[in-house]
Amino acid sequence: MPRSGTQHPVSNSNAALAQNNRPRRFRMGIGTALMLGFGLLVFTAASSVLGIGLWSARENTIELLRDREEFLVDLLEQRVRGHLDPVMTANEDLAQRIGQGLVDSTKQQELVNFIARRHGRHTAGGRHGLYLT
């Protein structure tokens, strides 16, 4: 028989089993918590700055390309107008002179000579590179 004041070995094993079955609480040290907290804060800040920077760079690139495109289209329009405006003016003048009867539209050589004079070219043996159909 056990003496008074001593515990039975079976009761000790039951207490150990009850303690092992108890759910374990998660414990973290203060250093680990600070490290995780500051790490998450730095990651969030760096990610947001990087995201804003990439978005801003994309928008600026699109705007610069759009400005360059508009500039090139305007330049192309000016060059085309530079070639076509004198021709349109000469055609308007020719139409006006034909309407006034100063140039006979049925005579091809007369039309060619008028156009050549209008553009400052001189006829040389009837060959000027102008073909009328």
C-alpha atoms as a PDB file:
ATOM      1  CA  MET A   1       0.000   0.000   0.000  1.00  0.00           C
ATOM      2  CA  PRO A   2       1.215   3.417  -0.802  1.00  0.00           C
ATOM      3  CA  ARG A   3       2.214   5.637   1.938  1.00  0.00           C
ATOM      4  CA  SER A   4       0.297   8.683   2.649  1.00  0.00           C
ATOM      5  CA  GLY A   5       1.678  11.692   0.836  1.00  0.00           C
ATOM      6  CA  THR A   6       3.019   9.714  -2.088  1.00  0.00           C
ATOM      7  CA  GLN A   7       1.249   9.580  -5.361  1.00  0.00           C
ATOM      8  CA  HIS A   8       0.245   6.580  -7.257  1.00  0.00           C
ATOM      9  CA  PRO A   9       2.252   6.009 -10.491  1.00  0.00           C
ATOM     10  CA  VAL A  10      -0.939   5.570 -12.520  1.00  0.00           C
ATOM     11  CA  SER A  11      -2.236   8.977 -11.503  1.00  0.00           C
ATOM     12  CA  ASN A  12       1.049  10.607 -12.685  1.00  0.00           C
ATOM     13  CA  SER A  13       0.729   9.124 -16.154  1.00  0.00           C
ATOM     14  CA  ASN A  14      -2.897  10.309 -16.411  1.00  0.00           C
ATOM     15  CA  ALA A  15      -1.828  13.868 -15.567  1.00  0.00           C
ATOM     16  CA  ALA A  16       0.926  13.742 -18.225  1.00  0.00           C
ATOM     17  CA  LEU A  17      -1.533  12.481 -20.837  1.00  0.00           C
ATOM     18  CA  ALA A  18      -4.003  15.228 -19.969  1.00  0.00           C
ATOM     19  CA  GLN A  19      -1.271  17.836 -20.276  1.00  0.00           C
ATOM     20  CA  ASN A  20      -0.127  16.484 -23.708  1.00  0.00           C
ATOM     21  CA  ASN A  21      -3.676  16.469 -25.099  1.00  0.00           C
ATOM     22  CA  ARG A  22      -4.201  20.109 -24.200  1.00  0.00           C
ATOM     23  CA  PRO A  23      -3.945  22.373 -27.308  1.00  0.00           C
ATOM     24  CA  ARG A  24      -0.601  24.164 -27.485  1.00  0.00           C
ATOM     25  CA  ARG A  25      -0.611  27.920 -27.584  1.00  0.00           C
ATOM     26  CA  PHE A  26       1.431  29.623 -30.314  1.00  0.00           C
ATOM     27  CA  ARG A  27       4.182  31.675 -28.804  1.00  0.00           C
ATOM     28  CA  MET A  28       6.450  34.077 -30.631  1.00  0.00           C
ATOM     29  CA  GLY A  29       9.265  36.130 -29.259  1.00  0.00           C
ATOM     30  CA  ILE A  30       9.238  39.916 -29.384  1.00  0.00           C
ATOM     31  CA  GLY A  31      12.231  39.946 -31.761  1.00  0.00           C
ATOM     32  CA  THR A  32      10.500  37.672 -34.249  1.00  0.00           C
ATOM     33  CA  ALA A  33       7.307  39.745 -34.098  1.00  0.00           C
ATOM     34  CA  LEU A  34       9.219  42.995 -34.679  1.00  0.00           C
ATOM     35  CA  MET A  35      11.214  41.454 -37.512  1.00  0.00           C
ATOM     36  CA  LEU A  36       8.063  40.193 -39.263  1.00  0.00           C
ATOM     37  CA  GLY A  37       6.198  43.457 -38.688  1.00  0.00           C
ATOM     38  CA  PHE A  38       8.947  45.712 -40.025  1.00  0.00           C
ATOM     39  CA  GLY A  39       9.656  43.331 -42.903  1.00  0.00           C
ATOM     40  CA  LEU A  40       6.011  43.385 -43.955  1.00  0.00           C
ATOM     41  CA  LEU A  41       5.929  47.182 -43.633  1.00  0.00           C
ATOM     42  CA  VAL A  42       9.067  47.618 -45.790  1.00  0.00           C
ATOM     43  CA  PHE A  43       7.753  45.131 -48.383  1.00  0.00           C
ATOM     44  CA  THR A  44       4.417  46.977 -48.608  1.00  0.00           C
ATOM     45  CA  ALA A  45       6.091  50.380 -48.935  1.00  0.00           C
ATOM     46  CA  ALA A  46       8.592  49.209 -51.569  1.00  0.00           C
ATOM     47  CA  SER A  47       5.872  47.427 -53.565  1.00  0.00           C
ATOM     48  CA  SER A  48       3.621  50.480 -53.605  1.00  0.00           C
ATOM     49  CA  VAL A  49       6.469  52.814 -54.653  1.00  0.00           C
ATOM     50  CA  LEU A  50       7.543  50.399 -57.390  1.00  0.00           C
ATOM     51  CA  GLY A  51       3.967  50.014 -58.630  1.00  0.00           C
ATOM     52  CA  ILE A  52       3.388  53.776 -58.753  1.00  0.00           C
ATOM     53  CA  GLY A  53       6.736  54.253 -60.533  1.00  0.00           C
ATOM     54  CA  LEU A  54       5.943  51.645 -63.184  1.00  0.00           C
ATOM     55  CA  TRP A  55       2.460  53.075 -63.758  1.00  0.00           C
ATOM     56  CA  SER A  56       3.863  56.612 -64.068  1.00  0.00           C
ATOM     57  CA  ALA A  57       6.606  55.493 -66.484  1.00  0.00           C
ATOM     58  CA  ARG A  58       4.029  53.702 -68.635  1.00  0.00           C
ATOM     59  CA  GLU A  59       1.769  56.758 -68.791  1.00  0.00           C
ATOM     60  CA  ASN A  60       4.696  59.062 -69.647  1.00  0.00           C
ATOM     61  CA  THR A  61       5.886  56.717 -72.393  1.00  0.00           C
ATOM     62  CA  ILE A  62       2.421  56.576 -73.946  1.00  0.00           C
ATOM     63  CA  GLU A  63       2.117  60.376 -73.825  1.00  0.00           C
ATOM     64  CA  LEU A  64       5.553  60.888 -75.400  1.00  0.00           C
ATOM     65  CA  LEU A  65       4.766  58.424 -78.195  1.00  0.00           C
ATOM     66  CA  ARG A  66       1.435  60.139 -78.825  1.00  0.00           C
ATOM     67  CA  ASP A  67       3.140  63.568 -79.013  1.00  0.00           C
ATOM     68  CA  ARG A  68       5.782  62.225 -81.405  1.00  0.00           C
ATOM     69  CA  GLU A  69       3.100  60.635 -83.577  1.00  0.00           C
ATOM     70  CA  GLU A  70       1.153  63.903 -83.787  1.00  0.00           C
ATOM     71  CA  PHE A  71       4.327  65.797 -84.649  1.00  0.00           C
ATOM     72  CA  LEU A  72       5.220  63.352 -87.440  1.00  0.00           C
ATOM     73  CA  VAL A  73       1.698  63.459 -88.886  1.00  0.00           C
ATOM     74  CA  ASP A  74       1.761  67.279 -88.874  1.00  0.00           C
ATOM     75  CA  LEU A  75       5.189  67.273 -90.534  1.00  0.00           C
ATOM     76  CA  LEU A  76       4.001  64.820 -93.191  1.00  0.00           C
ATOM     77  CA  GLU A  77       0.906  66.945 -93.831  1.00  0.00           C
ATOM     78  CA  GLN A  78       3.061  70.067 -94.282  1.00  0.00           C
ATOM     79  CA  ARG A  79       5.344  68.280 -96.744  1.00  0.00           C
ATOM     80  CA  VAL A  80       2.440  66.912 -98.768  1.00  0.00           C
ATOM     81  CA  ARG A  81       0.783  70.332 -98.817  1.00  0.00           C
ATOM     82  CA  GLY A  82       4.081  71.845 -99.938  1.00  0.00           C
ATOM     83  CA  HIS A  83       3.993  69.575-102.986  1.00  0.00           C
ATOM     84  CA  LEU A  84       0.273  69.761-103.733  1.00  0.00           C
ATOM     85  CA  ASP A  85      -0.567  73.438-103.087  1.00  0.00           C
ATOM     86  CA  PRO A  86       1.461  74.766-106.052  1.00  0.00           C
ATOM     87  CA  VAL A  87      -0.126  72.156-108.325  1.00  0.00           C
ATOM     88  CA  MET A  88      -3.611  73.064-107.108  1.00  0.00           C
ATOM     89  CA  THR A  89      -2.883  76.757-107.670  1.00  0.00           C
ATOM     90  CA  ALA A  90      -1.579  76.042-111.177  1.00  0.00           C
ATOM     91  CA  ASN A  91      -4.634  73.919-111.993  1.00  0.00           C
ATOM     92  CA  GLU A  92      -6.985  76.628-110.729  1.00  0.00           C
ATOM     93  CA  ASP A  93      -5.149  79.185-112.869  1.00  0.00           C
ATOM     94  CA  LEU A  94      -5.271  76.876-115.898  1.00  0.00           C
ATOM     95  CA  ALA A  95      -9.001  76.241-115.399  1.00  0.00           C
ATOM     96  CA  GLN A  96      -9.606  79.979-115.130  1.00  0.00           C
ATOM     97  CA  ARG A  97      -7.644  80.691-118.329  1.00  0.00           C
ATOM     98  CA  ILE A  98      -9.432  77.884-120.187  1.00  0.00           C
ATOM     99  CA  GLY A  99     -12.738  79.352-118.964  1.00  0.00           C
ATOM    100  CA  GLN A 100     -11.726  82.803-120.246  1.00  0.00           C
ATOM    101  CA  GLY A 101     -10.695  81.311-123.601  1.00  0.00           C
ATOM    102  CA  LEU A 102      -7.017  82.292-123.235  1.00  0.00           C
ATOM    103  CA  VAL A 103      -5.868  78.643-123.519  1.00  0.00           C
ATOM    104  CA  ASP A 104      -7.397  76.120-125.936  1.00  0.00           C
ATOM    105  CA  SER A 105      -8.001  72.845-124.089  1.00  0.00           C
ATOM    106  CA  THR A 106      -8.282  70.867-127.335  1.00  0.00           C
ATOM    107  CA  LYS A 107      -4.661  71.569-128.294  1.00  0.00           C
ATOM    108  CA  GLN A 108      -2.382  69.389-126.201  1.00  0.00           C
ATOM    109  CA  GLN A 109       0.840  71.199-127.106  1.00  0.00           C
ATOM    110  CA  GLU A 110      -0.639  74.558-126.054  1.00  0.00           C
ATOM    111  CA  LEU A 111      -1.628  73.082-122.673  1.00  0.00           C
ATOM    112  CA  VAL A 112       1.836  71.583-122.235  1.00  0.00           C
ATOM    113  CA  ASN A 113       3.521  74.882-123.092  1.00  0.00           C
ATOM    114  CA  PHE A 114       1.294  76.794-120.640  1.00  0.00           C
ATOM    115  CA  ILE A 115       1.998  74.318-117.835  1.00  0.00           C
ATOM    116  CA  ALA A 116       5.723  74.373-118.577  1.00  0.00           C
ATOM    117  CA  ARG A 117       5.797  78.183-118.517  1.00  0.00           C
ATOM    118  CA  ARG A 118       3.747  78.194-115.340  1.00  0.00           C
ATOM    119  CA  HIS A 119       6.359  76.002-113.636  1.00  0.00           C
ATOM    120  CA  GLY A 120       9.313  77.914-115.074  1.00  0.00           C
ATOM    121  CA  ARG A 121      10.353  75.164-117.500  1.00  0.00           C
ATOM    122  CA  HIS A 122      11.314  75.877-121.065  1.00  0.00           C
ATOM    123  CA  THR A 123      10.283  73.607-123.885  1.00  0.00           C
ATOM    124  CA  ALA A 124      13.132  71.920-125.644  1.00  0.00           C
ATOM    125  CA  GLY A 125      12.031  70.175-128.815  1.00  0.00           C
ATOM    126  CA  GLY A 126       8.600  69.366-127.390  1.00  0.00           C
ATOM    127  CA  ARG A 127       9.916  66.968-124.717  1.00  0.00           C
ATOM    128  CA  HIS A 128       9.258  68.014-121.128  1.00  0.00           C
ATOM    129  CA  GLY A 129       8.096  64.852-119.378  1.00  0.00           C
ATOM    130  CA  LEU A 130       4.499  66.085-119.197  1.00  0.00           C
ATOM    131  CA  TYR A 131       1.849  63.722-120.474  1.00  0.00           C
ATOM    132  CA  LEU A 132      -1.759  64.706-120.783  1.00  0.00           C
ATOM    133  CA  THR A 133      -4.486  62.166-121.412  1.00  0.00           C
END
